[in-house]
Amino acid sequence: MVRTPLTPEERERGERLGLLLREARGERSMAEIAAAAGLSAETLRKIETGRAPTPAFFTVAALAGVLRLSMDELVTLCVPAPV
């Protein structure tokens, strides 16, 4: 299966998501948050660094729940501002 290349907007949105999750995690360890969300620390690392810019909806929902972020807030903050 060949994956289509991501657009610059998709990459930017993934970087913003990673930054938001990293900020929400604060001083808590990556391993702690990942385990609570049912993910591996490596998956969380990839999302936070933008190496996995399009994580699955349920992955984002699990992280949002653990970090007490609203999905509406994440969508609003991750969507590029209109030009």
PDB file of N, CA and C in Angstrom:
ATOM      1  N   MET A   1       0.843  -1.172   0.000  1.00  0.00           N
ATOM      2  CA  MET A   1       0.000   0.000   0.000  1.00  0.00           C
ATOM      3  C   MET A   1       0.890   1.238   0.000  1.00  0.00           C
ATOM      4  N   VAL A   2       0.645   2.109  -0.945  1.00  0.00           N
ATOM      5  CA  VAL A   2       1.425   3.340  -1.050  1.00  0.00           C
ATOM      6  C   VAL A   2       0.625   4.472  -0.434  1.00  0.00           C
ATOM      7  N   ARG A   3       1.270   5.203   0.431  1.00  0.00           N
ATOM      8  CA  ARG A   3       0.617   6.321   1.093  1.00  0.00           C
ATOM      9  C   ARG A   3       0.878   7.595   0.296  1.00  0.00           C
ATOM     10  N   THR A   4      -0.156   8.381   0.073  1.00  0.00           N
ATOM     11  CA  THR A   4       0.022   9.620  -0.670  1.00  0.00           C
ATOM     12  C   THR A   4       0.796  10.615   0.191  1.00  0.00           C
ATOM     13  N   PRO A   5       1.634  11.418  -0.432  1.00  0.00           N
ATOM     14  CA  PRO A   5       2.402  12.409   0.332  1.00  0.00           C
ATOM     15  C   PRO A   5       1.477  13.416   1.026  1.00  0.00           C
ATOM     16  N   LEU A   6       1.913  13.857   2.176  1.00  0.00           N
ATOM     17  CA  LEU A   6       1.132  14.850   2.916  1.00  0.00           C
ATOM     18  C   LEU A   6       1.326  16.228   2.304  1.00  0.00           C
ATOM     19  N   THR A   7       0.289  17.015   2.400  1.00  0.00           N
ATOM     20  CA  THR A   7       0.383  18.397   1.928  1.00  0.00           C
ATOM     21  C   THR A   7       1.103  19.219   2.990  1.00  0.00           C
ATOM     22  N   PRO A   8       1.621  20.385   2.611  1.00  0.00           N
ATOM     23  CA  PRO A   8       2.237  21.261   3.625  1.00  0.00           C
ATOM     24  C   PRO A   8       1.256  21.617   4.744  1.00  0.00           C
ATOM     25  N   GLU A   9      -0.024  21.770   4.411  1.00  0.00           N
ATOM     26  CA  GLU A   9      -1.028  22.098   5.429  1.00  0.00           C
ATOM     27  C   GLU A   9      -1.206  20.952   6.421  1.00  0.00           C
ATOM     28  N   GLU A  10      -1.185  19.719   5.915  1.00  0.00           N
ATOM     29  CA  GLU A  10      -1.313  18.560   6.801  1.00  0.00           C
ATOM     30  C   GLU A  10      -0.105  18.450   7.717  1.00  0.00           C
ATOM     31  N   ARG A  11       1.064  18.710   7.192  1.00  0.00           N
ATOM     32  CA  ARG A  11       2.278  18.681   8.024  1.00  0.00           C
ATOM     33  C   ARG A  11       2.217  19.766   9.101  1.00  0.00           C
ATOM     34  N   GLU A  12       1.794  20.959   8.700  1.00  0.00           N
ATOM     35  CA  GLU A  12       1.690  22.074   9.652  1.00  0.00           C
ATOM     36  C   GLU A  12       0.670  21.764  10.740  1.00  0.00           C
ATOM     37  N   ARG A  13      -0.466  21.198  10.353  1.00  0.00           N
ATOM     38  CA  ARG A  13      -1.499  20.842  11.326  1.00  0.00           C
ATOM     39  C   ARG A  13      -0.960  19.801  12.298  1.00  0.00           C
ATOM     40  N   GLY A  14      -0.196  18.818  11.794  1.00  0.00           N
ATOM     41  CA  GLY A  14       0.399  17.808  12.666  1.00  0.00           C
ATOM     42  C   GLY A  14       1.403  18.394  13.635  1.00  0.00           C
ATOM     43  N   GLU A  15       2.186  19.360  13.168  1.00  0.00           N
ATOM     44  CA  GLU A  15       3.155  20.018  14.056  1.00  0.00           C
ATOM     45  C   GLU A  15       2.433  20.795  15.151  1.00  0.00           C
ATOM     46  N   ARG A  16       1.339  21.478  14.782  1.00  0.00           N
ATOM     47  CA  ARG A  16       0.570  22.213  15.792  1.00  0.00           C
ATOM     48  C   ARG A  16      -0.041  21.270  16.810  1.00  0.00           C
ATOM     49  N   LEU A  17      -0.578  20.138  16.333  1.00  0.00           N
ATOM     50  CA  LEU A  17      -1.151  19.155  17.255  1.00  0.00           C
ATOM     51  C   LEU A  17      -0.079  18.661  18.217  1.00  0.00           C
ATOM     52  N   GLY A  18       1.086  18.328  17.691  1.00  0.00           N
ATOM     53  CA  GLY A  18       2.178  17.856  18.546  1.00  0.00           C
ATOM     54  C   GLY A  18       2.564  18.865  19.605  1.00  0.00           C
ATOM     55  N   LEU A  19       2.645  20.123  19.209  1.00  0.00           N
ATOM     56  CA  LEU A  19       2.992  21.184  20.151  1.00  0.00           C
ATOM     57  C   LEU A  19       1.927  21.323  21.237  1.00  0.00           C
ATOM     58  N   LEU A  20       0.665  21.295  20.848  1.00  0.00           N
ATOM     59  CA  LEU A  20      -0.423  21.400  21.830  1.00  0.00           C
ATOM     60  C   LEU A  20      -0.391  20.245  22.830  1.00  0.00           C
ATOM     61  N   LEU A  21      -0.164  19.049  22.321  1.00  0.00           N
ATOM     62  CA  LEU A  21      -0.111  17.888  23.223  1.00  0.00           C
ATOM     63  C   LEU A  21       1.091  17.964  24.149  1.00  0.00           C
ATOM     64  N   ARG A  22       2.216  18.385  23.613  1.00  0.00           N
ATOM     65  CA  ARG A  22       3.434  18.519  24.429  1.00  0.00           C
ATOM     66  C   ARG A  22       3.210  19.552  25.529  1.00  0.00           C
ATOM     67  N   GLU A  23       2.600  20.684  25.178  1.00  0.00           N
ATOM     68  CA  GLU A  23       2.341  21.725  26.181  1.00  0.00           C
ATOM     69  C   GLU A  23       1.354  21.231  27.234  1.00  0.00           C
ATOM     70  N   ALA A  24       0.320  20.511  26.814  1.00  0.00           N
ATOM     71  CA  ALA A  24      -0.680  20.011  27.757  1.00  0.00           C
ATOM     72  C   ALA A  24      -0.087  18.947  28.686  1.00  0.00           C
ATOM     73  N   ARG A  25       0.871  18.197  28.182  1.00  0.00           N
ATOM     74  CA  ARG A  25       1.527  17.163  29.004  1.00  0.00           C
ATOM     75  C   ARG A  25       2.324  17.788  30.131  1.00  0.00           C
ATOM     76  N   GLY A  26       2.901  18.956  29.879  1.00  0.00           N
ATOM     77  CA  GLY A  26       3.667  19.665  30.905  1.00  0.00           C
ATOM     78  C   GLY A  26       4.837  18.844  31.415  1.00  0.00           C
ATOM     79  N   GLU A  27       4.920  18.709  32.721  1.00  0.00           N
ATOM     80  CA  GLU A  27       6.029  17.999  33.358  1.00  0.00           C
ATOM     81  C   GLU A  27       5.803  16.492  33.455  1.00  0.00           C
ATOM     82  N   ARG A  28       4.604  16.046  33.097  1.00  0.00           N
ATOM     83  CA  ARG A  28       4.332  14.606  33.168  1.00  0.00           C
ATOM     84  C   ARG A  28       5.148  13.881  32.103  1.00  0.00           C
ATOM     85  N   SER A  29       5.525  12.671  32.405  1.00  0.00           N
ATOM     86  CA  SER A  29       6.371  11.926  31.469  1.00  0.00           C
ATOM     87  C   SER A  29       5.562  11.440  30.272  1.00  0.00           C
ATOM     88  N   MET A  30       6.277  11.289  29.175  1.00  0.00           N
ATOM     89  CA  MET A  30       5.681  10.765  27.957  1.00  0.00           C
ATOM     90  C   MET A  30       5.135   9.356  28.224  1.00  0.00           C
ATOM     91  N   ALA A  31       5.883   8.544  28.954  1.00  0.00           N
ATOM     92  CA  ALA A  31       5.474   7.172  29.253  1.00  0.00           C
ATOM     93  C   ALA A  31       4.180   7.145  30.072  1.00  0.00           C
ATOM     94  N   GLU A  32       4.062   8.058  31.027  1.00  0.00           N
ATOM     95  CA  GLU A  32       2.866   8.114  31.879  1.00  0.00           C
ATOM     96  C   GLU A  32       1.628   8.432  31.046  1.00  0.00           C
ATOM     97  N   ILE A  33       1.716   9.455  30.206  1.00  0.00           N
ATOM     98  CA  ILE A  33       0.575   9.881  29.402  1.00  0.00           C
ATOM     99  C   ILE A  33       0.234   8.821  28.367  1.00  0.00           C
ATOM    100  N   ALA A  34       1.248   8.278  27.722  1.00  0.00           N
ATOM    101  CA  ALA A  34       1.016   7.256  26.697  1.00  0.00           C
ATOM    102  C   ALA A  34       0.325   6.037  27.305  1.00  0.00           C
ATOM    103  N   ALA A  35       0.805   5.578  28.447  1.00  0.00           N
ATOM    104  CA  ALA A  35       0.210   4.411  29.092  1.00  0.00           C
ATOM    105  C   ALA A  35      -1.242   4.679  29.470  1.00  0.00           C
ATOM    106  N   ALA A  36      -1.516   5.854  29.999  1.00  0.00           N
ATOM    107  CA  ALA A  36      -2.883   6.195  30.392  1.00  0.00           C
ATOM    108  C   ALA A  36      -3.814   6.249  29.181  1.00  0.00           C
ATOM    109  N   ALA A  37      -3.265   6.596  28.010  1.00  0.00           N
ATOM    110  CA  ALA A  37      -4.069   6.670  26.788  1.00  0.00           C
ATOM    111  C   ALA A  37      -4.090   5.352  26.027  1.00  0.00           C
ATOM    112  N   GLY A  38      -3.334   4.361  26.509  1.00  0.00           N
ATOM    113  CA  GLY A  38      -3.295   3.069  25.845  1.00  0.00           C
ATOM    114  C   GLY A  38      -2.412   3.052  24.608  1.00  0.00           C
ATOM    115  N   LEU A  39      -1.382   3.898  24.604  1.00  0.00           N
ATOM    116  CA  LEU A  39      -0.450   4.000  23.480  1.00  0.00           C
ATOM    117  C   LEU A  39       0.956   3.678  23.946  1.00  0.00           C
ATOM    118  N   SER A  40       1.838   3.483  22.986  1.00  0.00           N
ATOM    119  CA  SER A  40       3.243   3.349  23.339  1.00  0.00           C
ATOM    120  C   SER A  40       3.846   4.751  23.450  1.00  0.00           C
ATOM    121  N   ALA A  41       4.902   4.857  24.234  1.00  0.00           N
ATOM    122  CA  ALA A  41       5.590   6.144  24.360  1.00  0.00           C
ATOM    123  C   ALA A  41       6.153   6.569  23.001  1.00  0.00           C
ATOM    124  N   GLU A  42       6.561   5.607  22.179  1.00  0.00           N
ATOM    125  CA  GLU A  42       7.102   5.922  20.854  1.00  0.00           C
ATOM    126  C   GLU A  42       6.030   6.534  19.958  1.00  0.00           C
ATOM    127  N   THR A  43       4.805   6.048  20.046  1.00  0.00           N
ATOM    128  CA  THR A  43       3.711   6.643  19.262  1.00  0.00           C
ATOM    129  C   THR A  43       3.489   8.085  19.690  1.00  0.00           C
ATOM    130  N   LEU A  44       3.450   8.323  20.988  1.00  0.00           N
ATOM    131  CA  LEU A  44       3.276   9.691  21.476  1.00  0.00           C
ATOM    132  C   LEU A  44       4.446  10.563  21.047  1.00  0.00           C
ATOM    133  N   ARG A  45       5.643  10.044  21.106  1.00  0.00           N
ATOM    134  CA  ARG A  45       6.829  10.796  20.684  1.00  0.00           C
ATOM    135  C   ARG A  45       6.703  11.205  19.220  1.00  0.00           C
ATOM    136  N   LYS A  46       6.279  10.283  18.373  1.00  0.00           N
ATOM    137  CA  LYS A  46       6.123  10.582  16.952  1.00  0.00           C
ATOM    138  C   LYS A  46       5.058  11.658  16.724  1.00  0.00           C
ATOM    139  N   ILE A  47       3.976  11.599  17.456  1.00  0.00           N
ATOM    140  CA  ILE A  47       2.923  12.606  17.309  1.00  0.00           C
ATOM    141  C   ILE A  47       3.434  13.964  17.785  1.00  0.00           C
ATOM    142  N   GLU A  48       4.071  13.989  18.947  1.00  0.00           N
ATOM    143  CA  GLU A  48       4.549  15.262  19.505  1.00  0.00           C
ATOM    144  C   GLU A  48       5.617  15.919  18.644  1.00  0.00           C
ATOM    145  N   THR A  49       6.416  15.124  17.947  1.00  0.00           N
ATOM    146  CA  THR A  49       7.491  15.696  17.134  1.00  0.00           C
ATOM    147  C   THR A  49       7.072  15.936  15.687  1.00  0.00           C
ATOM    148  N   GLY A  50       5.840  15.583  15.347  1.00  0.00           N
ATOM    149  CA  GLY A  50       5.367  15.799  13.987  1.00  0.00           C
ATOM    150  C   GLY A  50       5.742  14.695  13.017  1.00  0.00           C
ATOM    151  N   ARG A  51       6.396  13.642  13.486  1.00  0.00           N
ATOM    152  CA  ARG A  51       6.756  12.527  12.600  1.00  0.00           C
ATOM    153  C   ARG A  51       5.543  11.672  12.270  1.00  0.00           C
ATOM    154  N   ALA A  52       4.467  11.810  13.040  1.00  0.00           N
ATOM    155  CA  ALA A  52       3.189  11.140  12.753  1.00  0.00           C
ATOM    156  C   ALA A  52       2.130  12.240  12.725  1.00  0.00           C
ATOM    157  N   PRO A  53       2.109  13.042  11.645  1.00  0.00           N
ATOM    158  CA  PRO A  53       1.251  14.223  11.605  1.00  0.00           C
ATOM    159  C   PRO A  53      -0.236  13.942  11.429  1.00  0.00           C
ATOM    160  N   THR A  54      -0.604  12.713  11.107  1.00  0.00           N
ATOM    161  CA  THR A  54      -2.019  12.400  10.922  1.00  0.00           C
ATOM    162  C   THR A  54      -2.415  11.176  11.753  1.00  0.00           C
ATOM    163  N   PRO A  55      -2.368  11.310  13.086  1.00  0.00           N
ATOM    164  CA  PRO A  55      -2.740  10.167  13.921  1.00  0.00           C
ATOM    165  C   PRO A  55      -4.225   9.856  13.789  1.00  0.00           C
ATOM    166  N   ALA A  56      -4.583   8.630  14.107  1.00  0.00           N
ATOM    167  CA  ALA A  56      -5.981   8.204  14.051  1.00  0.00           C
ATOM    168  C   ALA A  56      -6.833   9.011  15.021  1.00  0.00           C
ATOM    169  N   PHE A  57      -8.090   9.178  14.657  1.00  0.00           N
ATOM    170  CA  PHE A  57      -9.031   9.929  15.493  1.00  0.00           C
ATOM    171  C   PHE A  57      -9.062   9.386  16.915  1.00  0.00           C
ATOM    172  N   PHE A  58      -9.160   8.066  17.060  1.00  0.00           N
ATOM    173  CA  PHE A  58      -9.270   7.487  18.402  1.00  0.00           C
ATOM    174  C   PHE A  58      -7.992   7.667  19.216  1.00  0.00           C
ATOM    175  N   THR A  59      -6.858   7.776  18.557  1.00  0.00           N
ATOM    176  CA  THR A  59      -5.597   8.059  19.242  1.00  0.00           C
ATOM    177  C   THR A  59      -5.633   9.479  19.806  1.00  0.00           C
ATOM    178  N   VAL A  60      -6.055  10.420  18.982  1.00  0.00           N
ATOM    179  CA  VAL A  60      -6.148  11.812  19.431  1.00  0.00           C
ATOM    180  C   VAL A  60      -7.194  11.933  20.533  1.00  0.00           C
ATOM    181  N   ALA A  61      -8.320  11.255  20.383  1.00  0.00           N
ATOM    182  CA  ALA A  61      -9.371  11.311  21.405  1.00  0.00           C
ATOM    183  C   ALA A  61      -8.874  10.752  22.733  1.00  0.00           C
ATOM    184  N   ALA A  62      -8.121   9.662  22.692  1.00  0.00           N
ATOM    185  CA  ALA A  62      -7.592   9.075  23.932  1.00  0.00           C
ATOM    186  C   ALA A  62      -6.622  10.037  24.604  1.00  0.00           C
ATOM    187  N   LEU A  63      -5.741  10.646  23.819  1.00  0.00           N
ATOM    188  CA  LEU A  63      -4.791  11.615  24.391  1.00  0.00           C
ATOM    189  C   LEU A  63      -5.519  12.833  24.936  1.00  0.00           C
ATOM    190  N   ALA A  64      -6.507  13.317  24.209  1.00  0.00           N
ATOM    191  CA  ALA A  64      -7.271  14.480  24.679  1.00  0.00           C
ATOM    192  C   ALA A  64      -7.938  14.174  26.015  1.00  0.00           C
ATOM    193  N   GLY A  65      -8.483  12.968  26.143  1.00  0.00           N
ATOM    194  CA  GLY A  65      -9.126  12.596  27.399  1.00  0.00           C
ATOM    195  C   GLY A  65      -8.151  12.568  28.565  1.00  0.00           C
ATOM    196  N   VAL A  66      -6.999  11.983  28.352  1.00  0.00           N
ATOM    197  CA  VAL A  66      -5.988  11.896  29.413  1.00  0.00           C
ATOM    198  C   VAL A  66      -5.465  13.285  29.779  1.00  0.00           C
ATOM    199  N   LEU A  67      -5.304  14.141  28.764  1.00  0.00           N
ATOM    200  CA  LEU A  67      -4.752  15.484  28.997  1.00  0.00           C
ATOM    201  C   LEU A  67      -5.824  16.516  29.328  1.00  0.00           C
ATOM    202  N   ARG A  68      -7.078  16.055  29.368  1.00  0.00           N
ATOM    203  CA  ARG A  68      -8.219  16.932  29.684  1.00  0.00           C
ATOM    204  C   ARG A  68      -8.338  18.097  28.705  1.00  0.00           C
ATOM    205  N   LEU A  69      -8.206  17.768  27.436  1.00  0.00           N
ATOM    206  CA  LEU A  69      -8.381  18.738  26.363  1.00  0.00           C
ATOM    207  C   LEU A  69      -9.682  18.423  25.647  1.00  0.00           C
ATOM    208  N   SER A  70     -10.381  19.445  25.215  1.00  0.00           N
ATOM    209  CA  SER A  70     -11.596  19.192  24.449  1.00  0.00           C
ATOM    210  C   SER A  70     -11.221  18.971  22.988  1.00  0.00           C
ATOM    211  N   MET A  71     -11.919  18.059  22.349  1.00  0.00           N
ATOM    212  CA  MET A  71     -11.672  17.807  20.922  1.00  0.00           C
ATOM    213  C   MET A  71     -11.996  19.056  20.104  1.00  0.00           C
ATOM    214  N   ASP A  72     -13.018  19.784  20.495  1.00  0.00           N
ATOM    215  CA  ASP A  72     -13.356  21.034  19.792  1.00  0.00           C
ATOM    216  C   ASP A  72     -12.201  22.012  19.857  1.00  0.00           C
ATOM    217  N   GLU A  73     -11.594  22.123  21.035  1.00  0.00           N
ATOM    218  CA  GLU A  73     -10.463  23.021  21.211  1.00  0.00           C
ATOM    219  C   GLU A  73      -9.284  22.593  20.331  1.00  0.00           C
ATOM    220  N   LEU A  74      -9.002  21.300  20.296  1.00  0.00           N
ATOM    221  CA  LEU A  74      -7.910  20.799  19.465  1.00  0.00           C
ATOM    222  C   LEU A  74      -8.147  21.097  17.998  1.00  0.00           C
ATOM    223  N   VAL A  75      -9.354  20.864  17.540  1.00  0.00           N
ATOM    224  CA  VAL A  75      -9.655  21.137  16.122  1.00  0.00           C
ATOM    225  C   VAL A  75      -9.470  22.613  15.818  1.00  0.00           C
ATOM    226  N   THR A  76      -9.989  23.450  16.675  1.00  0.00           N
ATOM    227  CA  THR A  76      -9.885  24.900  16.459  1.00  0.00           C
ATOM    228  C   THR A  76      -8.432  25.349  16.442  1.00  0.00           C
ATOM    229  N   LEU A  77      -7.631  24.842  17.348  1.00  0.00           N
ATOM    230  CA  LEU A  77      -6.239  25.269  17.447  1.00  0.00           C
ATOM    231  C   LEU A  77      -5.329  24.662  16.380  1.00  0.00           C
ATOM    232  N   CYS A  78      -5.752  23.550  15.806  1.00  0.00           N
ATOM    233  CA  CYS A  78      -4.908  22.878  14.819  1.00  0.00           C
ATOM    234  C   CYS A  78      -5.203  23.291  13.372  1.00  0.00           C
ATOM    235  N   VAL A  79      -6.372  23.834  13.137  1.00  0.00           N
ATOM    236  CA  VAL A  79      -6.729  24.237  11.769  1.00  0.00           C
ATOM    237  C   VAL A  79      -6.009  25.536  11.418  1.00  0.00           C
ATOM    238  N   PRO A  80      -5.401  25.585  10.234  1.00  0.00           N
ATOM    239  CA  PRO A  80      -4.706  26.806   9.831  1.00  0.00           C
ATOM    240  C   PRO A  80      -5.671  27.994   9.764  1.00  0.00           C
ATOM    241  N   ALA A  81      -5.169  29.153  10.117  1.00  0.00           N
ATOM    242  CA  ALA A  81      -5.974  30.365  10.037  1.00  0.00           C
ATOM    243  C   ALA A  81      -6.241  30.698   8.574  1.00  0.00           C
ATOM    244  N   PRO A  82      -7.444  31.189   8.271  1.00  0.00           N
ATOM    245  CA  PRO A  82      -7.741  31.547   6.881  1.00  0.00           C
ATOM    246  C   PRO A  82      -6.821  32.658   6.393  1.00  0.00           C
ATOM    247  N   VAL A  83      -6.461  32.553   5.137  1.00  0.00           N
ATOM    248  CA  VAL A  83      -5.549  33.543   4.564  1.00  0.00           C
ATOM    249  C   VAL A  83      -6.310  34.664   3.927  1.00  0.00           C
TER     250      VAL A  83
END
